[in-house]
Amino acid sequence: MARCSFCRKVIEQGTGLMFVKTDGRIFLFCSGKCEKHLLKLEHKPRTTKWTLEFAREKRQGKAGAKAENEEKKE
C-alpha cells in the first residue's frame, strides 16, 4: 500500500493524488491538505502536529526524557 508523502497515512487504492517534480521525484498525497502543506507552504511533517511523524518524534522524546530522569535519580 502506498503512503502519503506528508502525513504517512495509508492511501487506499484508487484515491489520492500523485505529484511528479521535474527532477523525477514522486510525491503521493492522501488529500489536498497534505499537498498544500508540503508543496505550497513548505511545512515539515516533524513540526506539524497532526502527522504520524510528529507523533513518533514526540514518543521518542518522551522515552528519551524518561531515560534521562532515571539516570538522574540513580
PDB file of N, CA and C in Angstrom:
ATOM      1  N   MET A   1       0.835  -1.185   0.000  1.00  0.00           N
ATOM      2  CA  MET A   1       0.000   0.000   0.000  1.00  0.00           C
ATOM      3  C   MET A   1       0.880   1.249   0.000  1.00  0.00           C
ATOM      4  N   ALA A   2       0.411   2.239  -0.684  1.00  0.00           N
ATOM      5  CA  ALA A   2       1.135   3.500  -0.766  1.00  0.00           C
ATOM      6  C   ALA A   2       0.851   4.339   0.477  1.00  0.00           C
ATOM      7  N   ARG A   3       1.808   5.172   0.830  1.00  0.00           N
ATOM      8  CA  ARG A   3       1.650   6.070   1.980  1.00  0.00           C
ATOM      9  C   ARG A   3       1.786   7.511   1.512  1.00  0.00           C
ATOM     10  N   CYS A   4       1.074   8.392   2.193  1.00  0.00           N
ATOM     11  CA  CYS A   4       1.129   9.824   1.885  1.00  0.00           C
ATOM     12  C   CYS A   4       2.536  10.340   2.171  1.00  0.00           C
ATOM     13  N   SER A   5       3.055  11.156   1.276  1.00  0.00           N
ATOM     14  CA  SER A   5       4.407  11.688   1.430  1.00  0.00           C
ATOM     15  C   SER A   5       4.517  12.683   2.583  1.00  0.00           C
ATOM     16  N   PHE A   6       3.400  13.231   3.034  1.00  0.00           N
ATOM     17  CA  PHE A   6       3.445  14.209   4.114  1.00  0.00           C
ATOM     18  C   PHE A   6       3.038  13.607   5.453  1.00  0.00           C
ATOM     19  N   CYS A   7       1.820  13.069   5.545  1.00  0.00           N
ATOM     20  CA  CYS A   7       1.322  12.616   6.851  1.00  0.00           C
ATOM     21  C   CYS A   7       1.575  11.139   7.110  1.00  0.00           C
ATOM     22  N   ARG A   8       1.992  10.380   6.118  1.00  0.00           N
ATOM     23  CA  ARG A   8       2.324   8.948   6.213  1.00  0.00           C
ATOM     24  C   ARG A   8       1.117   8.045   6.462  1.00  0.00           C
ATOM     25  N   LYS A   9      -0.096   8.531   6.185  1.00  0.00           N
ATOM     26  CA  LYS A   9      -1.276   7.674   6.278  1.00  0.00           C
ATOM     27  C   LYS A   9      -1.332   6.783   5.037  1.00  0.00           C
ATOM     28  N   VAL A  10      -1.942   5.612   5.188  1.00  0.00           N
ATOM     29  CA  VAL A  10      -2.097   4.684   4.070  1.00  0.00           C
ATOM     30  C   VAL A  10      -3.134   5.253   3.109  1.00  0.00           C
ATOM     31  N   ILE A  11      -2.808   5.246   1.814  1.00  0.00           N
ATOM     32  CA  ILE A  11      -3.719   5.744   0.787  1.00  0.00           C
ATOM     33  C   ILE A  11      -4.407   4.544   0.153  1.00  0.00           C
ATOM     34  N   GLU A  12      -5.724   4.554   0.174  1.00  0.00           N
ATOM     35  CA  GLU A  12      -6.473   3.460  -0.435  1.00  0.00           C
ATOM     36  C   GLU A  12      -6.301   3.496  -1.947  1.00  0.00           C
ATOM     37  N   GLN A  13      -6.353   2.314  -2.544  1.00  0.00           N
ATOM     38  CA  GLN A  13      -6.180   2.208  -3.978  1.00  0.00           C
ATOM     39  C   GLN A  13      -7.286   2.956  -4.710  1.00  0.00           C
ATOM     40  N   GLY A  14      -6.912   3.728  -5.705  1.00  0.00           N
ATOM     41  CA  GLY A  14      -7.876   4.490  -6.485  1.00  0.00           C
ATOM     42  C   GLY A  14      -8.162   5.869  -5.935  1.00  0.00           C
ATOM     43  N   THR A  15      -7.509   6.250  -4.835  1.00  0.00           N
ATOM     44  CA  THR A  15      -7.717   7.577  -4.257  1.00  0.00           C
ATOM     45  C   THR A  15      -6.374   8.291  -4.165  1.00  0.00           C
ATOM     46  N   GLY A  16      -6.410   9.518  -3.752  1.00  0.00           N
ATOM     47  CA  GLY A  16      -5.180  10.274  -3.557  1.00  0.00           C
ATOM     48  C   GLY A  16      -4.737  11.014  -4.810  1.00  0.00           C
ATOM     49  N   LEU A  17      -3.546  11.583  -4.722  1.00  0.00           N
ATOM     50  CA  LEU A  17      -3.013  12.407  -5.795  1.00  0.00           C
ATOM     51  C   LEU A  17      -1.518  12.146  -5.932  1.00  0.00           C
ATOM     52  N   MET A  18      -1.041  12.041  -7.172  1.00  0.00           N
ATOM     53  CA  MET A  18       0.383  11.854  -7.425  1.00  0.00           C
ATOM     54  C   MET A  18       0.936  13.139  -8.032  1.00  0.00           C
ATOM     55  N   PHE A  19       2.051  13.605  -7.488  1.00  0.00           N
ATOM     56  CA  PHE A  19       2.714  14.806  -7.995  1.00  0.00           C
ATOM     57  C   PHE A  19       4.141  14.426  -8.360  1.00  0.00           C
ATOM     58  N   VAL A  20       4.545  14.700  -9.598  1.00  0.00           N
ATOM     59  CA  VAL A  20       5.889  14.378 -10.059  1.00  0.00           C
ATOM     60  C   VAL A  20       6.621  15.681 -10.336  1.00  0.00           C
ATOM     61  N   LYS A  21       7.736  15.897  -9.646  1.00  0.00           N
ATOM     62  CA  LYS A  21       8.543  17.095  -9.861  1.00  0.00           C
ATOM     63  C   LYS A  21       9.373  16.940 -11.136  1.00  0.00           C
ATOM     64  N   THR A  22       9.905  18.025 -11.636  1.00  0.00           N
ATOM     65  CA  THR A  22      10.679  17.990 -12.877  1.00  0.00           C
ATOM     66  C   THR A  22      11.974  17.203 -12.718  1.00  0.00           C
ATOM     67  N   ASP A  23      12.469  17.043 -11.492  1.00  0.00           N
ATOM     68  CA  ASP A  23      13.680  16.255 -11.273  1.00  0.00           C
ATOM     69  C   ASP A  23      13.385  14.763 -11.137  1.00  0.00           C
ATOM     70  N   GLY A  24      12.108  14.366 -11.240  1.00  0.00           N
ATOM     71  CA  GLY A  24      11.737  12.961 -11.228  1.00  0.00           C
ATOM     72  C   GLY A  24      11.250  12.429  -9.898  1.00  0.00           C
ATOM     73  N   ARG A  25      11.290  13.231  -8.828  1.00  0.00           N
ATOM     74  CA  ARG A  25      10.805  12.778  -7.527  1.00  0.00           C
ATOM     75  C   ARG A  25       9.279  12.669  -7.563  1.00  0.00           C
ATOM     76  N   ILE A  26       8.759  11.606  -6.974  1.00  0.00           N
ATOM     77  CA  ILE A  26       7.322  11.359  -6.963  1.00  0.00           C
ATOM     78  C   ILE A  26       6.796  11.540  -5.548  1.00  0.00           C
ATOM     79  N   PHE A  27       5.740  12.329  -5.422  1.00  0.00           N
ATOM     80  CA  PHE A  27       5.077  12.547  -4.142  1.00  0.00           C
ATOM     81  C   PHE A  27       3.654  12.023  -4.252  1.00  0.00           C
ATOM     82  N   LEU A  28       3.211  11.275  -3.270  1.00  0.00           N
ATOM     83  CA  LEU A  28       1.845  10.786  -3.194  1.00  0.00           C
ATOM     84  C   LEU A  28       1.155  11.485  -2.030  1.00  0.00           C
ATOM     85  N   PHE A  29      -0.067  11.959  -2.250  1.00  0.00           N
ATOM     86  CA  PHE A  29      -0.796  12.678  -1.221  1.00  0.00           C
ATOM     87  C   PHE A  29      -2.171  12.069  -1.017  1.00  0.00           C
ATOM     88  N   CYS A  30      -2.612  12.020   0.245  1.00  0.00           N
ATOM     89  CA  CYS A  30      -3.939  11.487   0.553  1.00  0.00           C
ATOM     90  C   CYS A  30      -5.008  12.570   0.430  1.00  0.00           C
ATOM     91  N   SER A  31      -4.610  13.844   0.525  1.00  0.00           N
ATOM     92  CA  SER A  31      -5.593  14.931   0.468  1.00  0.00           C
ATOM     93  C   SER A  31      -4.938  16.207  -0.039  1.00  0.00           C
ATOM     94  N   GLY A  32      -5.768  17.167  -0.373  1.00  0.00           N
ATOM     95  CA  GLY A  32      -5.271  18.473  -0.786  1.00  0.00           C
ATOM     96  C   GLY A  32      -4.578  19.198   0.359  1.00  0.00           C
ATOM     97  N   LYS A  33      -5.007  18.886   1.577  1.00  0.00           N
ATOM     98  CA  LYS A  33      -4.398  19.484   2.770  1.00  0.00           C
ATOM     99  C   LYS A  33      -2.924  19.112   2.856  1.00  0.00           C
ATOM    100  N   CYS A  34      -2.620  17.836   2.655  1.00  0.00           N
ATOM    101  CA  CYS A  34      -1.229  17.376   2.719  1.00  0.00           C
ATOM    102  C   CYS A  34      -0.404  17.968   1.577  1.00  0.00           C
ATOM    103  N   GLU A  35      -0.998  18.019   0.387  1.00  0.00           N
ATOM    104  CA  GLU A  35      -0.299  18.588  -0.766  1.00  0.00           C
ATOM    105  C   GLU A  35       0.056  20.057  -0.516  1.00  0.00           C
ATOM    106  N   LYS A  36      -0.892  20.802  -0.019  1.00  0.00           N
ATOM    107  CA  LYS A  36      -0.685  22.225   0.240  1.00  0.00           C
ATOM    108  C   LYS A  36       0.403  22.444   1.288  1.00  0.00           C
ATOM    109  N   HIS A  37       0.378  21.662   2.369  1.00  0.00           N
ATOM    110  CA  HIS A  37       1.354  21.834   3.444  1.00  0.00           C
ATOM    111  C   HIS A  37       2.772  21.520   2.970  1.00  0.00           C
ATOM    112  N   LEU A  38       2.939  20.506   2.131  1.00  0.00           N
ATOM    113  CA  LEU A  38       4.277  20.124   1.702  1.00  0.00           C
ATOM    114  C   LEU A  38       4.792  20.998   0.565  1.00  0.00           C
ATOM    115  N   LEU A  39       3.981  21.213  -0.463  1.00  0.00           N
ATOM    116  CA  LEU A  39       4.465  21.895  -1.663  1.00  0.00           C
ATOM    117  C   LEU A  39       4.340  23.415  -1.604  1.00  0.00           C
ATOM    118  N   LYS A  40       3.192  23.906  -1.206  1.00  0.00           N
ATOM    119  CA  LYS A  40       2.954  25.358  -1.234  1.00  0.00           C
ATOM    120  C   LYS A  40       3.477  26.061   0.019  1.00  0.00           C
ATOM    121  N   LEU A  41       3.160  25.510   1.184  1.00  0.00           N
ATOM    122  CA  LEU A  41       3.552  26.152   2.441  1.00  0.00           C
ATOM    123  C   LEU A  41       4.933  25.713   2.919  1.00  0.00           C
ATOM    124  N   GLU A  42       5.442  24.620   2.357  1.00  0.00           N
ATOM    125  CA  GLU A  42       6.767  24.085   2.680  1.00  0.00           C
ATOM    126  C   GLU A  42       6.936  23.761   4.170  1.00  0.00           C
ATOM    127  N   HIS A  43       5.879  23.212   4.780  1.00  0.00           N
ATOM    128  CA  HIS A  43       5.954  22.788   6.175  1.00  0.00           C
ATOM    129  C   HIS A  43       6.698  21.469   6.283  1.00  0.00           C
ATOM    130  N   LYS A  44       7.277  21.216   7.426  1.00  0.00           N
ATOM    131  CA  LYS A  44       7.963  19.962   7.706  1.00  0.00           C
ATOM    132  C   LYS A  44       7.006  19.047   8.469  1.00  0.00           C
ATOM    133  N   PRO A  45       6.901  17.775   8.089  1.00  0.00           N
ATOM    134  CA  PRO A  45       5.997  16.863   8.805  1.00  0.00           C
ATOM    135  C   PRO A  45       6.347  16.708  10.280  1.00  0.00           C
ATOM    136  N   ARG A  46       7.611  16.848  10.636  1.00  0.00           N
ATOM    137  CA  ARG A  46       8.026  16.699  12.038  1.00  0.00           C
ATOM    138  C   ARG A  46       7.445  17.773  12.940  1.00  0.00           C
ATOM    139  N   THR A  47       7.154  18.942  12.368  1.00  0.00           N
ATOM    140  CA  THR A  47       6.673  20.055  13.190  1.00  0.00           C
ATOM    141  C   THR A  47       5.169  20.280  13.062  1.00  0.00           C
ATOM    142  N   THR A  48       4.489  19.472  12.244  1.00  0.00           N
ATOM    143  CA  THR A  48       3.053  19.600  12.055  1.00  0.00           C
ATOM    144  C   THR A  48       2.358  18.586  12.950  1.00  0.00           C
ATOM    145  N   LYS A  49       1.550  19.051  13.894  1.00  0.00           N
ATOM    146  CA  LYS A  49       1.047  18.222  14.978  1.00  0.00           C
ATOM    147  C   LYS A  49       0.167  17.057  14.548  1.00  0.00           C
ATOM    148  N   TRP A  50      -0.514  17.129  13.420  1.00  0.00           N
ATOM    149  CA  TRP A  50      -1.447  16.077  13.038  1.00  0.00           C
ATOM    150  C   TRP A  50      -0.818  14.979  12.181  1.00  0.00           C
ATOM    151  N   THR A  51       0.490  14.963  12.008  1.00  0.00           N
ATOM    152  CA  THR A  51       1.139  13.925  11.207  1.00  0.00           C
ATOM    153  C   THR A  51       1.662  12.791  12.086  1.00  0.00           C
ATOM    154  N   LEU A  52       1.850  11.624  11.484  1.00  0.00           N
ATOM    155  CA  LEU A  52       2.379  10.480  12.219  1.00  0.00           C
ATOM    156  C   LEU A  52       3.831  10.697  12.608  1.00  0.00           C
ATOM    157  N   GLU A  53       4.574  11.409  11.776  1.00  0.00           N
ATOM    158  CA  GLU A  53       5.985  11.665  12.077  1.00  0.00           C
ATOM    159  C   GLU A  53       6.124  12.524  13.336  1.00  0.00           C
ATOM    160  N   PHE A  54       5.240  13.484  13.523  1.00  0.00           N
ATOM    161  CA  PHE A  54       5.259  14.309  14.731  1.00  0.00           C
ATOM    162  C   PHE A  54       4.989  13.443  15.957  1.00  0.00           C
ATOM    163  N   ALA A  55       4.015  12.529  15.841  1.00  0.00           N
ATOM    164  CA  ALA A  55       3.673  11.649  16.961  1.00  0.00           C
ATOM    165  C   ALA A  55       4.849  10.747  17.317  1.00  0.00           C
ATOM    166  N   ARG A  56       5.554  10.235  16.309  1.00  0.00           N
ATOM    167  CA  ARG A  56       6.719   9.389  16.573  1.00  0.00           C
ATOM    168  C   ARG A  56       7.821  10.179  17.266  1.00  0.00           C
ATOM    169  N   GLU A  57       8.084  11.377  16.799  1.00  0.00           N
ATOM    170  CA  GLU A  57       9.106  12.234  17.414  1.00  0.00           C
ATOM    171  C   GLU A  57       8.743  12.523  18.866  1.00  0.00           C
ATOM    172  N   LYS A  58       7.470  12.796  19.104  1.00  0.00           N
ATOM    173  CA  LYS A  58       7.014  13.108  20.454  1.00  0.00           C
ATOM    174  C   LYS A  58       7.197  11.903  21.377  1.00  0.00           C
ATOM    175  N   ARG A  59       6.841  10.686  20.875  1.00  0.00           N
ATOM    176  CA  ARG A  59       7.013   9.467  21.664  1.00  0.00           C
ATOM    177  C   ARG A  59       8.480   9.218  21.961  1.00  0.00           C
ATOM    178  N   GLN A  60       9.346   9.409  20.972  1.00  0.00           N
ATOM    179  CA  GLN A  60      10.771   9.195  21.172  1.00  0.00           C
ATOM    180  C   GLN A  60      11.327  10.213  22.153  1.00  0.00           C
ATOM    181  N   GLY A  61      10.830  11.425  22.096  1.00  0.00           N
ATOM    182  CA  GLY A  61      11.266  12.453  23.032  1.00  0.00           C
ATOM    183  C   GLY A  61      10.883  12.108  24.455  1.00  0.00           C
ATOM    184  N   LYS A  62       9.679  11.575  24.650  1.00  0.00           N
ATOM    185  CA  LYS A  62       9.241  11.172  25.988  1.00  0.00           C
ATOM    186  C   LYS A  62      10.076  10.016  26.496  1.00  0.00           C
ATOM    187  N   ALA A  63      10.386   9.055  25.608  1.00  0.00           N
ATOM    188  CA  ALA A  63      11.197   7.901  26.009  1.00  0.00           C
ATOM    189  C   ALA A  63      12.599   8.362  26.392  1.00  0.00           C
ATOM    190  N   GLY A  64      13.148   9.300  25.636  1.00  0.00           N
ATOM    191  CA  GLY A  64      14.469   9.834  25.951  1.00  0.00           C
ATOM    192  C   GLY A  64      14.470  10.614  27.250  1.00  0.00           C
ATOM    193  N   ALA A  65      13.393  11.362  27.504  1.00  0.00           N
ATOM    194  CA  ALA A  65      13.291  12.136  28.739  1.00  0.00           C
ATOM    195  C   ALA A  65      13.160  11.208  29.943  1.00  0.00           C
ATOM    196  N   LYS A  66      12.410  10.112  29.790  1.00  0.00           N
ATOM    197  CA  LYS A  66      12.269   9.155  30.888  1.00  0.00           C
ATOM    198  C   LYS A  66      13.612   8.526  31.220  1.00  0.00           C
ATOM    199  N   ALA A  67      14.383   8.180  30.201  1.00  0.00           N
ATOM    200  CA  ALA A  67      15.694   7.571  30.421  1.00  0.00           C
ATOM    201  C   ALA A  67      16.627   8.550  31.133  1.00  0.00           C
ATOM    202  N   GLU A  68      16.577   9.812  30.752  1.00  0.00           N
ATOM    203  CA  GLU A  68      17.413  10.830  31.402  1.00  0.00           C
ATOM    204  C   GLU A  68      17.005  11.019  32.858  1.00  0.00           C
ATOM    205  N   ASN A  69      15.704  11.026  33.133  1.00  0.00           N
ATOM    206  CA  ASN A  69      15.224  11.178  34.507  1.00  0.00           C
ATOM    207  C   ASN A  69      15.642  10.004  35.373  1.00  0.00           C
ATOM    208  N   GLU A  70      15.601   8.801  34.831  1.00  0.00           N
ATOM    209  CA  GLU A  70      16.031   7.629  35.587  1.00  0.00           C
ATOM    210  C   GLU A  70      17.510   7.684  35.892  1.00  0.00           C
ATOM    211  N   GLU A  71      18.304   8.173  34.947  1.00  0.00           N
ATOM    212  CA  GLU A  71      19.741   8.298  35.169  1.00  0.00           C
ATOM    213  C   GLU A  71      20.042   9.322  36.251  1.00  0.00           C
ATOM    214  N   LYS A  72      19.280  10.400  36.292  1.00  0.00           N
ATOM    215  CA  LYS A  72      19.477  11.440  37.288  1.00  0.00           C
ATOM    216  C   LYS A  72      19.135  10.942  38.688  1.00  0.00           C
ATOM    217  N   LYS A  73      18.098  10.093  38.788  1.00  0.00           N
ATOM    218  CA  LYS A  73      17.682   9.555  40.082  1.00  0.00           C
ATOM    219  C   LYS A  73      18.743   8.630  40.685  1.00  0.00           C
ATOM    220  N   GLU A  74      19.420   7.889  39.812  1.00  0.00           N
ATOM    221  CA  GLU A  74      20.406   6.930  40.284  1.00  0.00           C
ATOM    222  C   GLU A  74      21.691   7.601  40.604  1.00  0.00           C
TER     223      GLU A  74
END
